[in-house]
Amino acid sequence: MTDFLTRLTGLAATGTLGDLYCGASLPELAARYGEPWDGGRIHRDTRWPHHFGWGDVQTVVCRCRQLRSLSLPIWHGELELPLPGGESVTLDTRIGETALTAALTAAGCAWQTVTYENLPNQRNLEFSPAEEVRVTLVLTDREAYDEPPLEEWVLHKALLWSYDHVDCPEPDPTLPDDGWGAAEL
């Protein structure tokens, strides 16, 4: 099994990718992986939730500085993942459905296959590795939208997300800007 497939199987089984998991603290992630890149606001009129990332890992962080979701753009063919100390590793992400489902089955993962009537060239494998945490592996039947179908479906992207948490505290207005776009409008 490739290093990428091992990590992906772990994500589906546990809802974690290294120290990246729903509820992880942004300051702790920054201490472990280095300063994140700032992807900006999700909503034009509010600073939170906010996009951050390390390498090709794209995250969404709540105003309480907890990771709420992440996305891996697997369709690029390779993925730069963060390592402790600000280092990174680039992994080949090309994987077909047969190898993917074999690895997931071998790891004891259970999933539900979801299709959408308006997206006939896509199907999702959905996992519930923890309460209120979901992992979705998106498969497509082609490399790009305008290309012909492949002989085997391929992994297109991976998503980790959690339900909104209603107990998110209001930001403390007496604290200085933490440097991650936290200053109020």
N, C-alpha and C. Protein backbone atom coordinates (compact mmCIF):
# COMPACT_ATOMS: atom_id res chain seq x y z
N MET A 1 0.85 -1.17 0.00
CA MET A 1 0.00 0.00 0.00
C MET A 1 0.90 1.24 0.00
N THR A 2 0.54 2.24 -0.81
CA THR A 2 1.33 3.46 -0.87
C THR A 2 1.19 4.26 0.41
N ASP A 3 2.13 5.17 0.65
CA ASP A 3 2.07 6.03 1.82
C ASP A 3 0.79 6.87 1.80
N PHE A 4 0.42 7.37 0.62
CA PHE A 4 -0.80 8.15 0.51
C PHE A 4 -2.02 7.31 0.85
N LEU A 5 -2.10 6.11 0.31
CA LEU A 5 -3.24 5.24 0.57
C LEU A 5 -3.33 4.88 2.05
N THR A 6 -2.19 4.67 2.70
CA THR A 6 -2.18 4.41 4.14
C THR A 6 -2.76 5.59 4.90
N ARG A 7 -2.34 6.81 4.55
CA ARG A 7 -2.84 8.01 5.22
C ARG A 7 -4.34 8.21 4.95
N LEU A 8 -4.75 7.97 3.72
CA LEU A 8 -6.15 8.13 3.34
C LEU A 8 -7.04 7.12 4.07
N THR A 9 -6.58 5.90 4.16
CA THR A 9 -7.32 4.87 4.89
C THR A 9 -7.44 5.25 6.37
N GLY A 10 -6.36 5.79 6.92
CA GLY A 10 -6.39 6.27 8.31
C GLY A 10 -7.39 7.40 8.50
N LEU A 11 -7.45 8.31 7.52
CA LEU A 11 -8.42 9.40 7.59
C LEU A 11 -9.84 8.85 7.61
N ALA A 12 -10.13 7.91 6.73
CA ALA A 12 -11.47 7.32 6.67
C ALA A 12 -11.81 6.56 7.95
N ALA A 13 -10.84 5.88 8.52
CA ALA A 13 -11.08 5.05 9.71
C ALA A 13 -11.17 5.86 10.99
N THR A 14 -10.37 6.94 11.10
CA THR A 14 -10.26 7.65 12.38
C THR A 14 -10.70 9.11 12.33
N GLY A 15 -10.80 9.69 11.13
CA GLY A 15 -11.13 11.11 11.04
C GLY A 15 -9.95 12.00 11.35
N THR A 16 -8.74 11.45 11.24
CA THR A 16 -7.54 12.24 11.49
C THR A 16 -6.55 12.09 10.34
N LEU A 17 -5.80 13.14 10.10
CA LEU A 17 -4.71 13.14 9.13
C LEU A 17 -3.53 13.76 9.86
N GLY A 18 -2.70 12.91 10.47
CA GLY A 18 -1.67 13.43 11.36
C GLY A 18 -2.35 14.07 12.55
N ASP A 19 -1.99 15.32 12.83
CA ASP A 19 -2.62 16.05 13.92
C ASP A 19 -3.80 16.90 13.45
N LEU A 20 -4.18 16.74 12.19
CA LEU A 20 -5.32 17.48 11.63
C LEU A 20 -6.58 16.65 11.85
N TYR A 21 -7.48 17.18 12.66
CA TYR A 21 -8.75 16.52 12.94
C TYR A 21 -9.75 17.59 13.36
N CYS A 22 -11.01 17.29 13.28
CA CYS A 22 -12.04 18.25 13.68
C CYS A 22 -11.92 18.54 15.17
N GLY A 23 -11.80 19.82 15.49
CA GLY A 23 -11.62 20.23 16.87
C GLY A 23 -10.18 20.57 17.21
N ALA A 24 -9.23 20.28 16.30
CA ALA A 24 -7.82 20.61 16.56
C ALA A 24 -7.67 22.12 16.70
N SER A 25 -6.78 22.54 17.56
CA SER A 25 -6.54 23.94 17.85
C SER A 25 -5.61 24.57 16.82
N LEU A 26 -6.03 25.70 16.24
CA LEU A 26 -5.18 26.39 15.27
C LEU A 26 -3.82 26.76 15.85
N PRO A 27 -3.74 27.33 17.06
CA PRO A 27 -2.41 27.63 17.60
C PRO A 27 -1.53 26.38 17.78
N GLU A 28 -2.14 25.26 18.18
CA GLU A 28 -1.36 24.03 18.33
C GLU A 28 -0.92 23.48 16.97
N LEU A 29 -1.79 23.59 15.96
CA LEU A 29 -1.41 23.15 14.62
C LEU A 29 -0.29 24.02 14.07
N ALA A 30 -0.35 25.33 14.31
CA ALA A 30 0.70 26.24 13.86
C ALA A 30 2.03 25.92 14.56
N ALA A 31 1.97 25.57 15.85
CA ALA A 31 3.18 25.19 16.56
C ALA A 31 3.77 23.90 16.01
N ARG A 32 2.93 23.00 15.58
CA ARG A 32 3.39 21.69 15.06
C ARG A 32 3.86 21.77 13.61
N TYR A 33 3.06 22.43 12.76
CA TYR A 33 3.33 22.41 11.32
C TYR A 33 3.91 23.72 10.77
N GLY A 34 3.99 24.75 11.59
CA GLY A 34 4.44 26.06 11.12
C GLY A 34 3.24 26.94 10.81
N GLU A 35 3.52 28.19 10.53
CA GLU A 35 2.45 29.15 10.24
C GLU A 35 1.63 28.68 9.04
N PRO A 36 0.31 28.72 9.14
CA PRO A 36 -0.51 28.34 8.00
C PRO A 36 -0.55 29.46 6.96
N TRP A 37 -0.86 29.08 5.72
CA TRP A 37 -1.15 30.13 4.75
C TRP A 37 -2.59 30.57 4.99
N ASP A 38 -2.87 31.82 4.69
CA ASP A 38 -4.18 32.41 4.93
C ASP A 38 -4.98 32.39 3.65
N GLY A 39 -6.06 31.63 3.63
CA GLY A 39 -6.92 31.54 2.46
C GLY A 39 -8.06 32.53 2.45
N GLY A 40 -8.18 33.31 3.52
CA GLY A 40 -9.20 34.35 3.56
C GLY A 40 -10.50 33.92 4.19
N ARG A 41 -11.41 34.86 4.17
CA ARG A 41 -12.73 34.67 4.77
C ARG A 41 -13.58 33.73 3.91
N ILE A 42 -14.48 33.04 4.55
CA ILE A 42 -15.46 32.24 3.83
C ILE A 42 -16.64 33.13 3.46
N HIS A 43 -17.01 34.03 4.36
CA HIS A 43 -18.11 34.96 4.12
C HIS A 43 -17.53 36.37 4.04
N ARG A 44 -18.00 37.14 3.11
CA ARG A 44 -17.47 38.48 2.86
C ARG A 44 -17.58 39.39 4.08
N ASP A 45 -18.66 39.29 4.83
CA ASP A 45 -18.92 40.24 5.91
C ASP A 45 -18.42 39.83 7.29
N THR A 46 -17.89 38.62 7.42
CA THR A 46 -17.37 38.18 8.71
C THR A 46 -16.03 37.50 8.53
N ARG A 47 -15.20 37.59 9.54
CA ARG A 47 -13.87 36.98 9.46
C ARG A 47 -13.89 35.47 9.73
N TRP A 48 -14.92 35.01 10.42
CA TRP A 48 -14.98 33.60 10.79
C TRP A 48 -16.27 32.99 10.30
N PRO A 49 -16.24 31.75 9.87
CA PRO A 49 -15.08 30.86 9.73
C PRO A 49 -14.11 31.38 8.66
N HIS A 50 -12.90 30.86 8.72
CA HIS A 50 -11.79 31.36 7.91
C HIS A 50 -11.02 30.19 7.31
N HIS A 51 -10.53 30.37 6.08
CA HIS A 51 -9.70 29.34 5.42
C HIS A 51 -8.24 29.50 5.83
N PHE A 52 -7.60 28.38 6.15
CA PHE A 52 -6.15 28.32 6.37
C PHE A 52 -5.65 27.04 5.73
N GLY A 53 -4.36 26.89 5.61
CA GLY A 53 -3.84 25.64 5.07
C GLY A 53 -2.36 25.47 5.28
N TRP A 54 -1.94 24.25 5.05
CA TRP A 54 -0.53 23.86 5.08
C TRP A 54 -0.32 23.02 3.84
N GLY A 55 0.62 23.40 2.98
CA GLY A 55 0.82 22.66 1.75
C GLY A 55 -0.45 22.68 0.94
N ASP A 56 -0.93 21.51 0.52
CA ASP A 56 -2.17 21.40 -0.23
C ASP A 56 -3.39 21.14 0.64
N VAL A 57 -3.20 21.05 1.95
CA VAL A 57 -4.31 20.80 2.86
C VAL A 57 -5.04 22.12 3.10
N GLN A 58 -6.30 22.16 2.72
CA GLN A 58 -7.13 23.36 2.88
C GLN A 58 -8.07 23.13 4.05
N THR A 59 -8.04 24.05 5.03
CA THR A 59 -8.87 23.87 6.22
C THR A 59 -9.83 25.04 6.39
N VAL A 60 -10.85 24.79 7.19
CA VAL A 60 -11.76 25.83 7.65
C VAL A 60 -11.69 25.82 9.17
N VAL A 61 -11.47 27.01 9.75
CA VAL A 61 -11.32 27.15 11.19
C VAL A 61 -12.40 28.09 11.70
N CYS A 62 -13.00 27.72 12.81
CA CYS A 62 -14.04 28.50 13.46
C CYS A 62 -13.41 29.65 14.25
N ARG A 63 -14.22 30.61 14.67
CA ARG A 63 -13.70 31.75 15.41
C ARG A 63 -13.06 31.35 16.74
N CYS A 64 -13.42 30.18 17.27
CA CYS A 64 -12.79 29.71 18.51
C CYS A 64 -11.46 29.01 18.23
N ARG A 65 -11.02 29.10 16.98
CA ARG A 65 -9.73 28.59 16.51
C ARG A 65 -9.66 27.07 16.49
N GLN A 66 -10.82 26.43 16.26
CA GLN A 66 -10.86 24.98 16.11
C GLN A 66 -11.06 24.63 14.65
N LEU A 67 -10.34 23.62 14.19
CA LEU A 67 -10.51 23.13 12.83
C LEU A 67 -11.88 22.50 12.71
N ARG A 68 -12.64 22.90 11.69
CA ARG A 68 -13.99 22.38 11.48
C ARG A 68 -14.08 21.48 10.27
N SER A 69 -13.18 21.70 9.27
CA SER A 69 -13.18 20.83 8.10
C SER A 69 -11.84 20.95 7.38
N LEU A 70 -11.58 19.97 6.51
CA LEU A 70 -10.41 20.05 5.64
C LEU A 70 -10.74 19.39 4.31
N SER A 71 -9.99 19.80 3.30
CA SER A 71 -10.18 19.29 1.95
C SER A 71 -8.82 18.98 1.35
N LEU A 72 -8.76 17.86 0.63
CA LEU A 72 -7.53 17.46 -0.07
C LEU A 72 -7.82 17.41 -1.57
N PRO A 73 -7.17 18.26 -2.36
CA PRO A 73 -7.40 18.28 -3.81
C PRO A 73 -6.61 17.18 -4.52
N ILE A 74 -7.12 15.99 -4.47
CA ILE A 74 -6.43 14.81 -4.96
C ILE A 74 -6.30 14.81 -6.48
N TRP A 75 -7.20 15.49 -7.18
CA TRP A 75 -7.18 15.50 -8.64
C TRP A 75 -5.90 16.07 -9.21
N HIS A 76 -5.10 16.77 -8.42
CA HIS A 76 -3.84 17.32 -8.92
C HIS A 76 -2.85 16.22 -9.30
N GLY A 77 -3.02 15.02 -8.77
CA GLY A 77 -2.12 13.91 -9.07
C GLY A 77 -1.01 13.75 -8.04
N GLU A 78 -0.76 14.80 -7.29
CA GLU A 78 0.17 14.74 -6.17
C GLU A 78 -0.30 15.73 -5.12
N LEU A 79 0.11 15.48 -3.90
CA LEU A 79 -0.38 16.26 -2.78
C LEU A 79 0.77 16.57 -1.84
N GLU A 80 0.90 17.83 -1.48
CA GLU A 80 1.90 18.24 -0.50
C GLU A 80 1.25 18.27 0.87
N LEU A 81 1.70 17.38 1.76
CA LEU A 81 1.14 17.28 3.11
C LEU A 81 2.15 17.81 4.12
N PRO A 82 1.66 18.47 5.16
CA PRO A 82 2.57 19.01 6.17
C PRO A 82 3.15 17.93 7.07
N LEU A 83 4.38 18.17 7.50
CA LEU A 83 5.05 17.34 8.49
C LEU A 83 5.42 18.22 9.67
N PRO A 84 5.65 17.65 10.83
CA PRO A 84 6.06 18.46 11.98
C PRO A 84 7.31 19.28 11.68
N GLY A 85 7.37 20.45 12.28
CA GLY A 85 8.54 21.30 12.13
C GLY A 85 8.52 22.15 10.87
N GLY A 86 7.37 22.24 10.21
CA GLY A 86 7.28 23.06 9.02
C GLY A 86 7.74 22.38 7.75
N GLU A 87 8.11 21.11 7.83
CA GLU A 87 8.51 20.35 6.65
C GLU A 87 7.27 19.84 5.93
N SER A 88 7.47 19.28 4.74
CA SER A 88 6.34 18.70 4.01
C SER A 88 6.82 17.50 3.21
N VAL A 89 5.87 16.72 2.75
CA VAL A 89 6.14 15.57 1.91
C VAL A 89 5.15 15.63 0.75
N THR A 90 5.64 15.30 -0.44
CA THR A 90 4.77 15.27 -1.61
C THR A 90 4.51 13.82 -1.98
N LEU A 91 3.24 13.46 -2.10
CA LEU A 91 2.84 12.09 -2.36
C LEU A 91 2.05 11.99 -3.66
N ASP A 92 2.24 10.89 -4.37
CA ASP A 92 1.46 10.59 -5.57
C ASP A 92 0.06 10.19 -5.11
N THR A 93 -0.96 10.85 -5.67
CA THR A 93 -2.33 10.60 -5.23
C THR A 93 -3.17 9.88 -6.26
N ARG A 94 -2.58 9.40 -7.31
CA ARG A 94 -3.37 8.69 -8.33
C ARG A 94 -3.79 7.33 -7.79
N ILE A 95 -5.10 7.14 -7.68
CA ILE A 95 -5.60 5.87 -7.17
C ILE A 95 -6.97 5.59 -7.77
N GLY A 96 -7.13 4.35 -8.20
CA GLY A 96 -8.40 3.91 -8.76
C GLY A 96 -9.30 3.35 -7.68
N GLU A 97 -10.56 3.19 -8.04
CA GLU A 97 -11.56 2.72 -7.09
C GLU A 97 -11.26 1.31 -6.58
N THR A 98 -10.75 0.44 -7.42
CA THR A 98 -10.48 -0.94 -7.01
C THR A 98 -9.45 -0.99 -5.89
N ALA A 99 -8.32 -0.30 -6.06
CA ALA A 99 -7.28 -0.29 -5.03
C ALA A 99 -7.77 0.42 -3.77
N LEU A 100 -8.52 1.50 -3.96
CA LEU A 100 -9.03 2.26 -2.83
C LEU A 100 -9.98 1.41 -1.98
N THR A 101 -10.97 0.81 -2.60
CA THR A 101 -11.95 0.03 -1.82
C THR A 101 -11.32 -1.21 -1.22
N ALA A 102 -10.32 -1.80 -1.89
CA ALA A 102 -9.62 -2.95 -1.30
C ALA A 102 -8.89 -2.53 -0.02
N ALA A 103 -8.22 -1.39 -0.05
CA ALA A 103 -7.50 -0.91 1.13
C ALA A 103 -8.47 -0.55 2.26
N LEU A 104 -9.57 0.09 1.91
CA LEU A 104 -10.56 0.45 2.92
C LEU A 104 -11.19 -0.79 3.55
N THR A 105 -11.48 -1.79 2.74
CA THR A 105 -12.05 -3.04 3.24
C THR A 105 -11.05 -3.74 4.14
N ALA A 106 -9.78 -3.79 3.73
CA ALA A 106 -8.74 -4.44 4.54
C ALA A 106 -8.57 -3.74 5.88
N ALA A 107 -8.82 -2.44 5.92
CA ALA A 107 -8.69 -1.68 7.17
C ALA A 107 -9.94 -1.77 8.04
N GLY A 108 -10.96 -2.48 7.55
CA GLY A 108 -12.18 -2.65 8.32
C GLY A 108 -13.12 -1.45 8.26
N CYS A 109 -12.93 -0.59 7.28
CA CYS A 109 -13.80 0.59 7.15
C CYS A 109 -15.14 0.20 6.54
N ALA A 110 -16.17 0.82 7.04
CA ALA A 110 -17.51 0.66 6.47
C ALA A 110 -17.93 2.01 5.92
N TRP A 111 -18.59 2.00 4.78
CA TRP A 111 -19.01 3.26 4.16
C TRP A 111 -20.34 3.10 3.47
N GLN A 112 -20.90 4.23 3.16
CA GLN A 112 -22.13 4.29 2.39
C GLN A 112 -21.78 4.96 1.06
N THR A 113 -22.24 4.40 -0.04
CA THR A 113 -22.03 5.01 -1.35
C THR A 113 -23.22 5.91 -1.66
N VAL A 114 -22.91 7.16 -2.00
CA VAL A 114 -23.95 8.15 -2.27
C VAL A 114 -23.77 8.66 -3.69
N THR A 115 -24.85 8.69 -4.43
CA THR A 115 -24.85 9.26 -5.78
C THR A 115 -25.88 10.37 -5.83
N TYR A 116 -25.69 11.25 -6.80
CA TYR A 116 -26.59 12.38 -6.98
C TYR A 116 -27.08 12.39 -8.41
N GLU A 117 -28.37 12.55 -8.57
CA GLU A 117 -28.98 12.54 -9.90
C GLU A 117 -28.38 13.61 -10.82
N ASN A 118 -28.06 14.77 -10.25
CA ASN A 118 -27.53 15.87 -11.06
C ASN A 118 -26.01 15.79 -11.26
N LEU A 119 -25.34 14.79 -10.68
CA LEU A 119 -23.90 14.59 -10.86
C LEU A 119 -23.65 13.13 -11.27
N PRO A 120 -24.01 12.77 -12.50
CA PRO A 120 -23.91 11.37 -12.91
C PRO A 120 -22.47 10.85 -13.02
N ASN A 121 -21.49 11.72 -13.08
CA ASN A 121 -20.09 11.31 -13.22
C ASN A 121 -19.36 11.32 -11.89
N GLN A 122 -20.10 11.33 -10.79
CA GLN A 122 -19.49 11.39 -9.46
C GLN A 122 -20.25 10.47 -8.52
N ARG A 123 -19.51 9.85 -7.61
CA ARG A 123 -20.12 9.14 -6.49
C ARG A 123 -19.22 9.32 -5.29
N ASN A 124 -19.83 9.32 -4.13
CA ASN A 124 -19.11 9.58 -2.89
C ASN A 124 -19.14 8.36 -1.99
N LEU A 125 -18.02 8.10 -1.35
CA LEU A 125 -17.95 7.10 -0.30
C LEU A 125 -17.96 7.90 1.01
N GLU A 126 -18.95 7.67 1.86
CA GLU A 126 -19.10 8.45 3.07
C GLU A 126 -18.87 7.58 4.30
N PHE A 127 -18.07 8.12 5.23
CA PHE A 127 -17.64 7.43 6.44
C PHE A 127 -18.05 8.25 7.66
N SER A 128 -18.28 7.56 8.77
CA SER A 128 -18.59 8.21 10.05
C SER A 128 -17.61 7.68 11.10
N PRO A 129 -16.37 8.20 11.09
CA PRO A 129 -15.36 7.65 12.00
C PRO A 129 -15.54 8.04 13.46
N ALA A 130 -16.31 9.08 13.74
CA ALA A 130 -16.57 9.51 15.12
C ALA A 130 -17.92 10.22 15.14
N GLU A 131 -18.45 10.39 16.33
CA GLU A 131 -19.74 11.07 16.45
C GLU A 131 -19.63 12.49 15.88
N GLU A 132 -20.55 12.83 15.00
CA GLU A 132 -20.64 14.14 14.35
C GLU A 132 -19.43 14.49 13.49
N VAL A 133 -18.67 13.49 13.07
CA VAL A 133 -17.52 13.68 12.16
C VAL A 133 -17.75 12.82 10.93
N ARG A 134 -17.54 13.41 9.77
CA ARG A 134 -17.73 12.69 8.51
C ARG A 134 -16.51 12.83 7.62
N VAL A 135 -16.24 11.79 6.87
CA VAL A 135 -15.21 11.79 5.83
C VAL A 135 -15.91 11.41 4.53
N THR A 136 -15.64 12.16 3.49
CA THR A 136 -16.21 11.87 2.17
C THR A 136 -15.07 11.72 1.18
N LEU A 137 -15.03 10.62 0.47
CA LEU A 137 -14.09 10.40 -0.62
C LEU A 137 -14.88 10.49 -1.91
N VAL A 138 -14.52 11.44 -2.75
CA VAL A 138 -15.25 11.71 -3.98
C VAL A 138 -14.54 11.01 -5.14
N LEU A 139 -15.30 10.18 -5.85
CA LEU A 139 -14.80 9.47 -7.03
C LEU A 139 -15.45 10.05 -8.28
N THR A 140 -14.68 10.12 -9.35
CA THR A 140 -15.23 10.57 -10.63
C THR A 140 -14.85 9.55 -11.71
N ASP A 141 -15.57 9.60 -12.81
CA ASP A 141 -15.29 8.65 -13.88
C ASP A 141 -14.39 9.22 -14.96
N ARG A 142 -13.77 10.37 -14.69
CA ARG A 142 -12.87 11.01 -15.67
C ARG A 142 -11.87 11.89 -14.95
N GLU A 143 -10.77 12.17 -15.61
CA GLU A 143 -9.72 13.01 -15.03
C GLU A 143 -10.13 14.48 -14.97
N ALA A 144 -10.86 14.94 -15.98
CA ALA A 144 -11.31 16.32 -16.03
C ALA A 144 -12.71 16.34 -16.64
N TYR A 145 -13.42 17.41 -16.37
CA TYR A 145 -14.81 17.53 -16.79
C TYR A 145 -15.00 17.31 -18.29
N ASP A 146 -14.08 17.84 -19.09
CA ASP A 146 -14.25 17.78 -20.55
C ASP A 146 -13.54 16.60 -21.20
N GLU A 147 -13.10 15.63 -20.40
CA GLU A 147 -12.43 14.44 -20.93
C GLU A 147 -13.41 13.26 -20.94
N PRO A 148 -13.11 12.25 -21.77
CA PRO A 148 -14.00 11.08 -21.82
C PRO A 148 -13.87 10.23 -20.55
N PRO A 149 -14.86 9.39 -20.29
CA PRO A 149 -14.82 8.51 -19.11
C PRO A 149 -13.61 7.57 -19.15
N LEU A 150 -13.12 7.26 -17.97
CA LEU A 150 -12.00 6.31 -17.81
C LEU A 150 -12.54 4.89 -17.70
N GLU A 151 -11.66 3.92 -17.79
CA GLU A 151 -12.07 2.53 -17.60
C GLU A 151 -12.44 2.26 -16.15
N GLU A 152 -11.78 2.97 -15.22
CA GLU A 152 -12.05 2.80 -13.79
C GLU A 152 -12.23 4.17 -13.15
N TRP A 153 -13.17 4.26 -12.23
CA TRP A 153 -13.37 5.50 -11.49
C TRP A 153 -12.11 5.80 -10.68
N VAL A 154 -11.83 7.09 -10.47
CA VAL A 154 -10.63 7.52 -9.75
C VAL A 154 -11.02 8.44 -8.60
N LEU A 155 -10.15 8.47 -7.60
CA LEU A 155 -10.35 9.36 -6.46
C LEU A 155 -10.08 10.79 -6.90
N HIS A 156 -11.00 11.69 -6.57
CA HIS A 156 -10.92 13.08 -7.01
C HIS A 156 -10.57 14.03 -5.85
N LYS A 157 -11.21 13.84 -4.71
CA LYS A 157 -10.90 14.66 -3.53
C LYS A 157 -11.35 13.94 -2.27
N ALA A 158 -10.81 14.39 -1.16
CA ALA A 158 -11.18 13.86 0.15
C ALA A 158 -11.58 15.03 1.04
N LEU A 159 -12.62 14.82 1.82
CA LEU A 159 -13.15 15.86 2.70
C LEU A 159 -13.31 15.29 4.11
N LEU A 160 -12.97 16.10 5.09
CA LEU A 160 -13.23 15.80 6.50
C LEU A 160 -14.03 16.97 7.03
N TRP A 161 -15.13 16.69 7.70
CA TRP A 161 -15.93 17.78 8.25
C TRP A 161 -16.70 17.33 9.46
N SER A 162 -17.12 18.31 10.24
CA SER A 162 -17.91 18.03 11.43
C SER A 162 -19.13 18.94 11.44
N TYR A 163 -20.10 18.54 12.21
CA TYR A 163 -21.28 19.38 12.37
C TYR A 163 -20.89 20.64 13.12
N ASP A 164 -21.63 21.72 12.90
CA ASP A 164 -21.36 22.96 13.62
C ASP A 164 -21.48 22.71 15.11
N HIS A 165 -20.64 23.39 15.86
CA HIS A 165 -20.76 23.29 17.32
C HIS A 165 -21.44 24.56 17.83
N VAL A 166 -22.48 24.35 18.59
CA VAL A 166 -23.30 25.47 19.05
C VAL A 166 -22.71 26.16 20.27
N ASP A 167 -21.72 25.54 20.90
CA ASP A 167 -21.15 26.11 22.11
C ASP A 167 -19.89 26.94 21.83
N CYS A 168 -19.71 27.38 20.60
CA CYS A 168 -18.53 28.18 20.25
C CYS A 168 -18.58 29.50 21.01
N PRO A 169 -17.54 29.79 21.79
CA PRO A 169 -17.56 31.04 22.57
C PRO A 169 -17.36 32.26 21.67
N GLU A 170 -17.90 33.37 22.11
CA GLU A 170 -17.67 34.63 21.42
C GLU A 170 -16.18 34.98 21.56
N PRO A 171 -15.60 35.59 20.53
CA PRO A 171 -14.19 35.98 20.66
C PRO A 171 -14.03 37.05 21.74
N ASP A 172 -12.91 37.01 22.43
CA ASP A 172 -12.62 37.98 23.49
C ASP A 172 -12.12 39.27 22.84
N PRO A 173 -12.90 40.34 22.89
CA PRO A 173 -12.49 41.59 22.22
C PRO A 173 -11.29 42.26 22.86
N THR A 174 -10.90 41.84 24.07
CA THR A 174 -9.74 42.45 24.72
C THR A 174 -8.43 41.83 24.26
N LEU A 175 -8.50 40.69 23.57
CA LEU A 175 -7.28 40.05 23.10
C LEU A 175 -6.79 40.71 21.81
N PRO A 176 -5.48 40.80 21.63
CA PRO A 176 -4.96 41.38 20.40
C PRO A 176 -5.16 40.42 19.22
N ASP A 177 -5.06 40.94 18.01
CA ASP A 177 -5.13 40.11 16.82
C ASP A 177 -4.06 39.03 16.91
N ASP A 178 -4.43 37.79 16.66
CA ASP A 178 -3.47 36.69 16.77
C ASP A 178 -2.69 36.49 15.49
N GLY A 179 -2.89 37.35 14.50
CA GLY A 179 -2.11 37.26 13.27
C GLY A 179 -2.74 36.35 12.22
N TRP A 180 -3.88 35.75 12.52
CA TRP A 180 -4.52 34.84 11.59
C TRP A 180 -5.83 35.41 11.08
N GLY A 181 -5.86 36.73 10.87
CA GLY A 181 -7.07 37.33 10.33
C GLY A 181 -8.18 37.46 11.34
N ALA A 182 -7.83 37.47 12.61
CA ALA A 182 -8.85 37.45 13.65
C ALA A 182 -9.38 38.82 14.03
N ALA A 183 -8.71 39.89 13.62
CA ALA A 183 -9.18 41.22 14.00
C ALA A 183 -10.59 41.43 13.50
N GLU A 184 -11.43 41.96 14.34
CA GLU A 184 -12.82 42.19 13.95
C GLU A 184 -12.88 43.28 12.89
N LEU A 185 -13.94 43.28 12.14
CA LEU A 185 -14.15 44.26 11.07
C LEU A 185 -14.24 45.67 11.63
